[in-house]
Amino acid sequence: MKDTPVMEVRVLGEDMVLYRDGSGTLGLIDRYCAHRRVNLAYGIPEKNGLRCMYHGWLYDETGQCIEQPFEETVRPEARFKDKIKMAGYPVQELGGLIWAYLGPDPAPLLPRWDLLVEPNVFREVASSFIPCNWLQTMENAMDGSHLEHLHWTYGKYVLERMGVPPEEAANRVRGFSRKHIKLGFDVFDHGIVKRRVLEGGSEEEEDWQVGHPMVFPNTMRMGNASRSEFQIRVPVDDENTVQWYVLVHRPGIDVPPQEQTPYFEVPMFDDEGGYIIDFATGQDMMTWVTQGSILDRSKESLGESDRGIILYRRLLMEQMAINEDGGDPMNVIRDPAGNSYIELPQERNKYHIGDAYRRLLQGSWSRYSPNREVVAELYMQGAAERGA
C-alpha cells in the first residue's frame, strides 16, 4: 500500500475499502459512505482515519464516524456522528500480507505460520485472480494423481505445440513424470497431510514419511528445503477467488533484511484472452475455471484417486458443524503461548530430485517475479559458500 494508500477490496461478497491513515493505522471499512453512498476508495487518508471527499465525513478504522463538518457547525449538540457506524474489520500485517478478520467477537489470534515469520529468508508475495469458486481450487490441492497427467503428459504436449523440441519439453517438466502408485491422507492439528509413493519409490521415503499439508481451510503448503510456498485461496464471492502466493527462499547464506516484501501478479490469461498453460500453476488454473464458475458436484464420478477430496469435504462439514454449535473450528487459535511459531510438515527433498525441484518451480509461476535475478544471485552465493 506504499503507492496506493486507499484501495477497493471485495472479500466474502462484501465490498470494502482498505486504507492506511497518516498515523500508519490500517482500516478495512464499508466501501460506501453512510451519508450519500459515494465510493470511499476516492477518499482522503488523514492522520486518524479516512475522510469522504464528498462532504467531509471522517471515519476511523472501526467504521465509526468521528467528524461531520457541516452537521457539527449547525447542530453540534445533536452529535449525529455518534449514531453513524459502518462495518469495520480488524486488520494486521504479517509475512508481507494484510490479514482481515470478518467473524464474530472475540477475534482469535492471527496464526503465525512458519513461512510468514521465518527469519533469514528472502520472501516475496504474488496473486492471481481466478474466476471460479474457491472450493474448486482447494479440491485440486487434494488431488495428487493429476500431476503426471496434467503437468507431465499435457505439459509436454503444450510445450511441443508451442515449438519446443520434444527433448527440451520433457526436460522442463520431468519433475512431474513419475506416476503415483499410492496416496495417503491424514488429518492433523492444522489440516490434512498429503503423502505419496511415486514409481520407483517406497514408503520409507519422506514423500510418504513426512508429506506436506493442506492448512485448513484454504491454504496449500509445498516446497522443499531451499524454497517453500503457501498458496492461499481467498473467496472474493461465490464465483471468484484470489490466490495469494507467499514464496520463501532459503539460499543458505545470511539474507539482507527486506524493507518491504516485494509483490507481483501472476496472470492467468494472455493478451488475446487465452489461458497461459505452459506452466503448472497455469494448467491448474485452467482446469479450475473450465469446471464452471461453481462446479456441479452432483455430476461427478469419484474414484480411488479422489480419497483426499472426499476426506477434505468431510472435514469441512465437521468443522462447520463445530462452528454452528458455538465451538472453535480448526485453526482458530486463542493461546499466545502456542502461536509464536507454528511449524508445518514439509519434505526437504521433494520427489527425490534434489535441487531440480527448485529449478522446476522457478520455471513456473515465479517466472513472473521481478526479483528473479536477485534471488538467483542469492542462491549462487549460497552454492559458492557450500562449494557446490
Protein backbone atom coordinates (compact mmCIF):
# COMPACT_ATOMS: atom_id res chain seq x y z
CA MET A 1 0.00 0.00 0.00
CA LYS A 2 3.01 2.24 -0.25
CA ASP A 3 1.86 3.74 -3.54
CA THR A 4 -1.89 3.25 -3.07
CA PRO A 5 -2.99 4.21 0.46
CA VAL A 6 -6.69 3.54 -0.32
CA MET A 7 -7.94 0.63 -2.41
CA GLU A 8 -11.13 -1.25 -3.14
CA VAL A 9 -11.37 -4.75 -1.66
CA ARG A 10 -14.03 -7.40 -2.13
CA VAL A 11 -13.85 -10.41 0.22
CA LEU A 12 -16.56 -12.97 1.04
CA GLY A 13 -19.03 -11.00 -1.05
CA GLU A 14 -18.52 -7.75 0.90
CA ASP A 15 -17.39 -4.53 -0.80
CA MET A 16 -14.94 -2.60 1.35
CA VAL A 17 -12.05 -0.18 1.22
CA LEU A 18 -8.67 -0.84 2.76
CA TYR A 19 -6.67 2.20 3.77
CA ARG A 20 -3.65 3.30 5.75
CA ASP A 21 -4.06 6.62 7.54
CA GLY A 22 -1.42 9.20 8.36
CA SER A 23 -0.53 7.50 11.64
CA GLY A 24 0.14 4.21 9.85
CA THR A 25 -3.05 2.56 11.13
CA LEU A 26 -4.78 0.19 8.73
CA GLY A 27 -8.54 0.26 8.31
CA LEU A 28 -10.96 -2.01 6.46
CA ILE A 29 -14.43 -0.47 6.31
CA ASP A 30 -17.58 -0.39 4.19
CA ARG A 31 -16.80 0.87 0.71
CA TYR A 32 -19.68 3.36 0.58
CA CYS A 33 -20.07 6.42 2.79
CA ALA A 34 -23.03 6.22 5.15
CA HIS A 35 -24.09 9.75 4.12
CA ARG A 36 -24.73 9.72 0.35
CA ARG A 37 -23.16 6.35 -0.54
CA VAL A 38 -20.21 7.55 -2.58
CA ASN A 39 -17.20 5.27 -3.05
CA LEU A 40 -14.64 5.86 -0.29
CA ALA A 41 -11.90 4.41 -2.49
CA TYR A 42 -11.57 8.06 -3.59
CA GLY A 43 -11.45 9.29 -0.02
CA ILE A 44 -8.58 11.08 1.70
CA PRO A 45 -6.47 9.25 4.29
CA GLU A 46 -5.85 11.66 7.17
CA LYS A 47 -3.95 11.39 10.44
CA ASN A 48 -6.67 9.40 12.24
CA GLY A 49 -8.98 7.98 9.62
CA LEU A 50 -10.42 8.16 6.11
CA ARG A 51 -12.31 11.30 5.04
CA CYS A 52 -15.07 11.18 2.45
CA MET A 53 -14.22 13.53 -0.40
CA TYR A 54 -17.89 14.45 -0.95
CA HIS A 55 -18.98 16.15 2.30
CA GLY A 56 -16.01 15.54 4.57
CA TRP A 57 -17.35 12.86 6.90
CA LEU A 58 -14.41 11.18 8.64
CA TYR A 59 -14.32 7.50 9.66
CA ASP A 60 -11.91 5.66 11.92
CA GLU A 61 -10.65 2.09 11.40
CA THR A 62 -13.69 0.61 13.16
CA GLY A 63 -16.11 2.29 10.72
CA GLN A 64 -17.22 4.82 13.34
CA CYS A 65 -17.91 8.30 12.01
CA ILE A 66 -15.85 10.76 14.06
CA GLU A 67 -16.38 14.02 12.14
CA GLN A 68 -19.22 15.66 10.16
CA PRO A 69 -18.14 19.21 9.32
CA PHE A 70 -21.50 20.78 8.39
CA GLU A 71 -23.56 18.89 10.98
CA GLU A 72 -21.15 19.93 13.72
CA THR A 73 -21.31 23.52 12.53
CA VAL A 74 -25.09 23.94 12.56
CA ARG A 75 -26.14 21.48 15.31
CA PRO A 76 -23.12 20.41 17.38
CA GLU A 77 -25.32 19.39 20.31
CA ALA A 78 -27.01 16.66 18.21
CA ARG A 79 -23.78 14.63 17.96
CA PHE A 80 -25.18 12.98 14.86
CA LYS A 81 -21.78 11.42 14.15
CA ASP A 82 -22.10 9.16 17.20
CA LYS A 83 -25.09 7.48 15.57
CA ILE A 84 -23.21 6.62 12.37
CA LYS A 85 -21.27 3.36 12.40
CA MET A 86 -20.39 1.38 9.28
CA ALA A 87 -18.93 -2.11 9.06
CA GLY A 88 -15.28 -2.20 10.07
CA TYR A 89 -12.97 -5.17 10.49
CA PRO A 90 -9.64 -5.61 12.32
CA VAL A 91 -6.58 -6.00 10.08
CA GLN A 92 -2.96 -6.94 10.71
CA GLU A 93 0.21 -7.20 8.65
CA LEU A 94 2.23 -10.41 8.66
CA GLY A 95 4.54 -12.09 6.18
CA GLY A 96 4.10 -9.43 3.52
CA LEU A 97 0.30 -9.69 3.51
CA ILE A 98 -2.53 -7.79 5.18
CA TRP A 99 -4.92 -10.10 7.02
CA ALA A 100 -8.52 -9.32 7.98
CA TYR A 101 -10.88 -10.96 10.43
CA LEU A 102 -14.55 -10.82 9.39
CA GLY A 103 -16.03 -13.07 12.09
CA PRO A 104 -17.74 -12.52 15.44
CA ASP A 105 -16.03 -11.27 18.59
CA PRO A 106 -13.82 -12.12 20.29
CA ALA A 107 -11.36 -12.22 17.41
CA PRO A 108 -8.87 -15.10 17.53
CA LEU A 109 -5.13 -14.68 17.08
CA LEU A 110 -3.65 -14.42 13.61
CA PRO A 111 -1.80 -17.74 13.16
CA ARG A 112 1.95 -17.27 12.90
CA TRP A 113 2.61 -19.99 10.33
CA ASP A 114 6.27 -20.74 9.77
CA LEU A 115 6.56 -19.27 6.26
CA LEU A 116 5.10 -15.95 7.45
CA VAL A 117 7.62 -15.40 10.26
CA GLU A 118 10.67 -17.50 9.34
CA PRO A 119 13.85 -15.39 9.70
CA ASN A 120 16.83 -15.10 7.34
CA VAL A 121 14.89 -15.76 4.13
CA PHE A 122 14.04 -13.79 1.00
CA ARG A 123 10.25 -13.53 0.92
CA GLU A 124 8.02 -12.40 -1.94
CA VAL A 125 4.26 -12.25 -2.46
CA ALA A 126 2.14 -12.61 -5.58
CA SER A 127 -1.51 -13.04 -6.56
CA SER A 128 -3.74 -14.40 -9.32
CA PHE A 129 -7.38 -13.53 -9.92
CA ILE A 130 -9.33 -16.73 -10.70
CA PRO A 131 -12.94 -16.53 -11.96
CA CYS A 132 -14.37 -19.56 -10.17
CA ASN A 133 -15.43 -20.70 -6.71
CA TRP A 134 -12.63 -21.09 -4.15
CA LEU A 135 -13.52 -24.70 -3.29
CA GLN A 136 -12.56 -25.91 -6.77
CA THR A 137 -9.06 -24.56 -6.24
CA MET A 138 -8.75 -26.30 -2.88
CA GLU A 139 -10.05 -29.66 -4.05
CA ASN A 140 -7.33 -29.68 -6.69
CA ALA A 141 -4.82 -29.50 -3.83
CA MET A 142 -6.18 -32.80 -2.52
CA ASP A 143 -5.90 -34.49 -5.93
CA GLY A 144 -2.34 -35.82 -6.16
CA SER A 145 -2.65 -38.11 -9.14
CA HIS A 146 -3.30 -35.32 -11.61
CA LEU A 147 0.38 -34.34 -11.63
CA GLU A 148 1.66 -36.95 -14.09
CA HIS A 149 -1.26 -36.33 -16.43
CA LEU A 150 -1.86 -32.58 -16.36
CA HIS A 151 1.69 -31.40 -15.70
CA TRP A 152 3.75 -34.14 -17.39
CA THR A 153 1.77 -35.55 -20.33
CA TYR A 154 -0.26 -32.42 -21.05
CA GLY A 155 2.65 -30.14 -20.12
CA LYS A 156 4.87 -31.79 -22.76
CA TYR A 157 2.05 -31.64 -25.31
CA VAL A 158 1.55 -27.91 -24.76
CA LEU A 159 5.25 -27.10 -24.99
CA GLU A 160 5.71 -29.15 -28.14
CA ARG A 161 2.75 -27.39 -29.77
CA MET A 162 4.49 -24.13 -28.91
CA GLY A 163 7.50 -25.30 -30.91
CA VAL A 164 9.69 -26.51 -28.07
CA PRO A 165 11.75 -29.57 -29.18
CA PRO A 166 10.45 -32.78 -27.56
CA GLU A 167 13.58 -33.47 -25.53
CA GLU A 168 13.68 -29.93 -24.14
CA ALA A 169 9.93 -30.03 -23.43
CA ALA A 170 10.37 -33.27 -21.49
CA ASN A 171 13.30 -31.85 -19.51
CA ARG A 172 11.27 -28.81 -18.48
CA VAL A 173 8.55 -30.89 -16.84
CA ARG A 174 10.46 -34.05 -15.91
CA GLY A 175 9.82 -33.43 -12.22
CA PHE A 176 6.20 -34.47 -12.82
CA SER A 177 6.99 -37.61 -14.82
CA ARG A 178 6.86 -40.30 -12.13
CA LYS A 179 3.49 -41.98 -11.67
CA HIS A 180 1.76 -42.16 -8.32
CA ILE A 181 1.37 -45.72 -7.06
CA LYS A 182 -0.01 -44.84 -3.62
CA LEU A 183 -1.68 -41.83 -1.99
CA GLY A 184 -2.29 -41.22 1.70
CA PHE A 185 -4.12 -38.51 3.65
CA ASP A 186 -4.10 -37.96 7.40
CA VAL A 187 -5.92 -35.32 9.42
CA PHE A 188 -3.59 -33.49 11.83
CA ASP A 189 -3.92 -30.48 14.15
CA HIS A 190 -3.88 -27.93 11.33
CA GLY A 191 -5.41 -29.70 8.35
CA ILE A 192 -4.57 -32.72 6.22
CA VAL A 193 -1.11 -34.12 5.49
CA LYS A 194 -0.74 -35.41 1.94
CA ARG A 195 1.51 -38.43 1.36
CA ARG A 196 2.56 -40.19 -1.81
CA VAL A 197 4.65 -43.04 -3.13
CA LEU A 198 5.94 -42.48 -6.63
CA GLU A 199 7.00 -45.03 -9.21
CA GLY A 200 10.33 -46.50 -8.12
CA GLY A 201 9.92 -45.16 -4.56
CA SER A 202 8.82 -46.62 -1.27
CA GLU A 203 7.06 -45.77 1.98
CA GLU A 204 10.49 -45.24 3.57
CA GLU A 205 10.97 -42.00 1.66
CA GLU A 206 9.93 -38.63 3.05
CA ASP A 207 7.24 -38.16 0.39
CA TRP A 208 5.38 -40.75 2.47
CA GLN A 209 7.01 -40.41 5.89
CA VAL A 210 6.70 -36.60 6.07
CA GLY A 211 4.47 -35.34 3.27
CA HIS A 212 3.17 -31.79 3.09
CA PRO A 213 -0.01 -30.16 4.36
CA MET A 214 -3.23 -28.62 3.30
CA VAL A 215 -3.64 -25.98 6.01
CA PHE A 216 -7.36 -25.87 6.80
CA PRO A 217 -9.44 -24.49 5.30
CA ASN A 218 -7.92 -22.69 2.31
CA THR A 219 -4.12 -22.94 2.12
CA MET A 220 -1.73 -25.28 0.36
CA ARG A 221 1.86 -25.60 1.62
CA MET A 222 4.53 -27.06 -0.69
CA GLY A 223 8.20 -26.85 -1.45
CA ASN A 224 11.49 -28.28 -0.25
CA ALA A 225 14.47 -27.35 1.92
CA SER A 226 15.52 -24.36 -0.18
CA ARG A 227 12.20 -22.98 -1.39
CA SER A 228 8.71 -23.20 0.13
CA GLU A 229 5.41 -21.55 -0.61
CA PHE A 230 1.89 -21.03 0.58
CA GLN A 231 -0.95 -20.84 -1.92
CA ILE A 232 -3.80 -19.16 -0.06
CA ARG A 233 -7.19 -19.25 -1.80
CA VAL A 234 -9.38 -16.32 -0.67
CA PRO A 235 -13.03 -16.17 -1.78
CA VAL A 236 -13.92 -12.86 -3.42
CA ASP A 237 -17.51 -14.04 -3.73
CA ASP A 238 -19.21 -17.28 -4.77
CA GLU A 239 -17.80 -17.17 -8.30
CA ASN A 240 -14.38 -15.53 -7.93
CA THR A 241 -11.21 -16.23 -5.97
CA VAL A 242 -7.85 -14.57 -5.40
CA GLN A 243 -4.95 -16.94 -4.99
CA TRP A 244 -2.21 -15.39 -2.85
CA TYR A 245 1.29 -16.83 -3.04
CA VAL A 246 3.84 -16.43 -0.24
CA LEU A 247 7.20 -17.62 -1.51
CA VAL A 248 10.16 -18.14 0.85
CA HIS A 249 13.70 -18.62 -0.48
CA ARG A 250 16.43 -20.13 1.72
CA PRO A 251 19.70 -19.68 -0.17
CA GLY A 252 21.78 -20.91 2.75
CA ILE A 253 23.53 -17.60 3.49
CA ASP A 254 22.74 -14.53 5.56
CA VAL A 255 19.98 -12.75 3.65
CA PRO A 256 19.95 -8.93 3.81
CA PRO A 257 16.87 -7.58 5.64
CA GLN A 258 13.96 -6.64 3.39
CA GLU A 259 12.50 -3.18 3.94
CA GLN A 260 9.26 -4.42 2.40
CA THR A 261 8.07 -7.65 0.82
CA PRO A 262 8.01 -7.36 -2.99
CA TYR A 263 4.72 -8.07 -4.75
CA PHE A 264 3.85 -9.10 -8.30
CA GLU A 265 0.93 -10.57 -10.22
CA VAL A 266 0.73 -13.98 -11.89
CA PRO A 267 -1.53 -13.70 -14.94
CA MET A 268 -3.98 -16.38 -15.97
CA PHE A 269 -4.75 -15.14 -19.48
CA ASP A 270 -2.54 -13.94 -22.33
CA ASP A 271 -3.08 -10.73 -24.30
CA GLU A 272 -5.59 -12.46 -26.56
CA GLY A 273 -7.65 -13.82 -23.68
CA GLY A 274 -6.37 -17.40 -23.90
CA TYR A 275 -5.22 -19.44 -20.92
CA ILE A 276 -1.49 -19.38 -20.21
CA ILE A 277 -0.88 -23.13 -19.92
CA ASP A 278 2.85 -23.63 -20.42
CA PHE A 279 3.49 -23.89 -16.66
CA ALA A 280 1.99 -25.99 -13.89
CA THR A 281 0.04 -23.33 -12.00
CA GLY A 282 -1.43 -22.02 -15.24
CA GLN A 283 -2.57 -25.54 -16.11
CA ASP A 284 -4.15 -25.88 -12.67
CA MET A 285 -5.99 -22.58 -13.00
CA MET A 286 -7.28 -23.55 -16.45
CA THR A 287 -8.79 -26.77 -15.08
CA TRP A 288 -10.43 -25.00 -12.13
CA VAL A 289 -12.09 -22.36 -14.28
CA THR A 290 -13.18 -24.73 -17.05
CA GLN A 291 -15.14 -26.72 -14.44
CA GLY A 292 -17.51 -23.74 -14.39
CA SER A 293 -17.91 -20.84 -12.01
CA ILE A 294 -19.37 -23.26 -9.44
CA LEU A 295 -18.71 -26.95 -10.09
CA ASP A 296 -21.84 -29.12 -10.20
CA ARG A 297 -20.62 -31.92 -7.93
CA SER A 298 -23.83 -33.92 -8.40
CA LYS A 299 -22.46 -34.94 -11.81
CA GLU A 300 -19.04 -36.16 -10.59
CA SER A 301 -17.87 -39.77 -10.65
CA LEU A 302 -15.33 -40.08 -7.84
CA GLY A 303 -12.89 -42.98 -7.63
CA GLU A 304 -9.86 -44.22 -5.69
CA SER A 305 -7.78 -41.20 -6.71
CA ASP A 306 -10.30 -38.90 -5.01
CA ARG A 307 -9.95 -40.10 -1.40
CA GLY A 308 -8.25 -36.83 -0.45
CA ILE A 309 -11.11 -34.78 -1.88
CA ILE A 310 -13.67 -36.90 -0.03
CA LEU A 311 -11.75 -36.54 3.25
CA TYR A 312 -11.45 -32.77 2.79
CA ARG A 313 -15.19 -32.42 2.16
CA ARG A 314 -15.93 -34.41 5.30
CA LEU A 315 -13.56 -32.23 7.30
CA LEU A 316 -15.30 -29.10 6.01
CA MET A 317 -18.68 -30.43 7.10
CA GLU A 318 -17.36 -31.48 10.52
CA GLN A 319 -15.75 -28.12 11.18
CA MET A 320 -18.83 -26.19 10.04
CA ALA A 321 -20.91 -28.23 12.49
CA ILE A 322 -18.49 -27.35 15.31
CA ASN A 323 -18.81 -23.67 14.41
CA GLU A 324 -22.62 -23.86 14.26
CA ASP A 325 -22.62 -25.40 17.75
CA GLY A 326 -20.65 -22.43 19.10
CA GLY A 327 -17.25 -24.10 19.17
CA ASP A 328 -13.96 -23.07 17.62
CA PRO A 329 -13.21 -24.83 14.32
CA MET A 330 -9.74 -25.93 13.29
CA ASN A 331 -7.02 -23.24 13.25
CA VAL A 332 -8.92 -20.79 15.43
CA ILE A 333 -6.06 -20.02 17.81
CA ARG A 334 -6.54 -18.15 21.08
CA ASP A 335 -3.50 -19.09 23.21
CA PRO A 336 -0.48 -16.82 22.54
CA ALA A 337 1.84 -19.44 24.02
CA GLY A 338 1.16 -21.75 21.09
CA ASN A 339 1.29 -19.08 18.43
CA SER A 340 4.84 -17.75 18.36
CA TYR A 341 5.96 -20.04 15.50
CA ILE A 342 3.73 -22.78 14.07
CA GLU A 343 5.94 -25.22 12.18
CA LEU A 344 4.29 -27.30 9.48
CA PRO A 345 5.48 -30.61 7.99
CA GLN A 346 7.31 -30.43 4.67
CA GLU A 347 9.52 -32.72 2.61
CA ARG A 348 13.07 -31.43 2.24
CA ASN A 349 13.97 -33.33 -0.96
CA LYS A 350 10.77 -33.06 -2.94
CA TYR A 351 10.13 -36.01 -5.30
CA HIS A 352 13.76 -37.01 -4.55
CA ILE A 353 15.05 -34.90 -7.43
CA GLY A 354 17.04 -32.56 -5.19
CA ASP A 355 17.77 -29.06 -6.46
CA ALA A 356 15.99 -29.84 -9.72
CA TYR A 357 12.73 -29.25 -7.85
CA ARG A 358 13.72 -25.64 -7.18
CA ARG A 359 14.59 -25.18 -10.86
CA LEU A 360 11.31 -26.81 -11.85
CA LEU A 361 9.31 -24.32 -9.82
CA GLN A 362 11.45 -21.35 -10.79
CA GLY A 363 10.34 -22.07 -14.33
CA SER A 364 6.74 -21.95 -13.13
CA TRP A 365 4.67 -19.03 -11.79
CA SER A 366 7.71 -17.41 -10.17
CA ARG A 367 8.97 -16.61 -13.67
CA TYR A 368 6.78 -13.51 -13.36
CA SER A 369 8.76 -12.31 -10.36
CA PRO A 370 10.69 -9.06 -10.89
CA ASN A 371 13.14 -10.39 -8.31
CA ARG A 372 14.42 -13.38 -10.31
CA GLU A 373 17.94 -12.04 -10.73
CA VAL A 374 18.20 -11.05 -7.06
CA VAL A 375 17.02 -14.48 -5.96
CA ALA A 376 19.29 -16.29 -8.43
CA GLU A 377 22.28 -14.34 -7.15
CA LEU A 378 21.45 -15.28 -3.55
CA TYR A 379 21.27 -18.96 -4.48
CA MET A 380 24.57 -18.74 -6.39
CA GLN A 381 26.24 -17.12 -3.40
CA GLY A 382 24.90 -19.88 -1.18
CA ALA A 383 26.13 -22.57 -3.56
CA ALA A 384 29.57 -20.93 -3.73
CA GLU A 385 29.86 -20.84 0.06
CA ARG A 386 28.93 -24.52 0.25
CA GLY A 387 31.37 -25.37 -2.51
CA ALA A 388 28.56 -26.77 -4.62
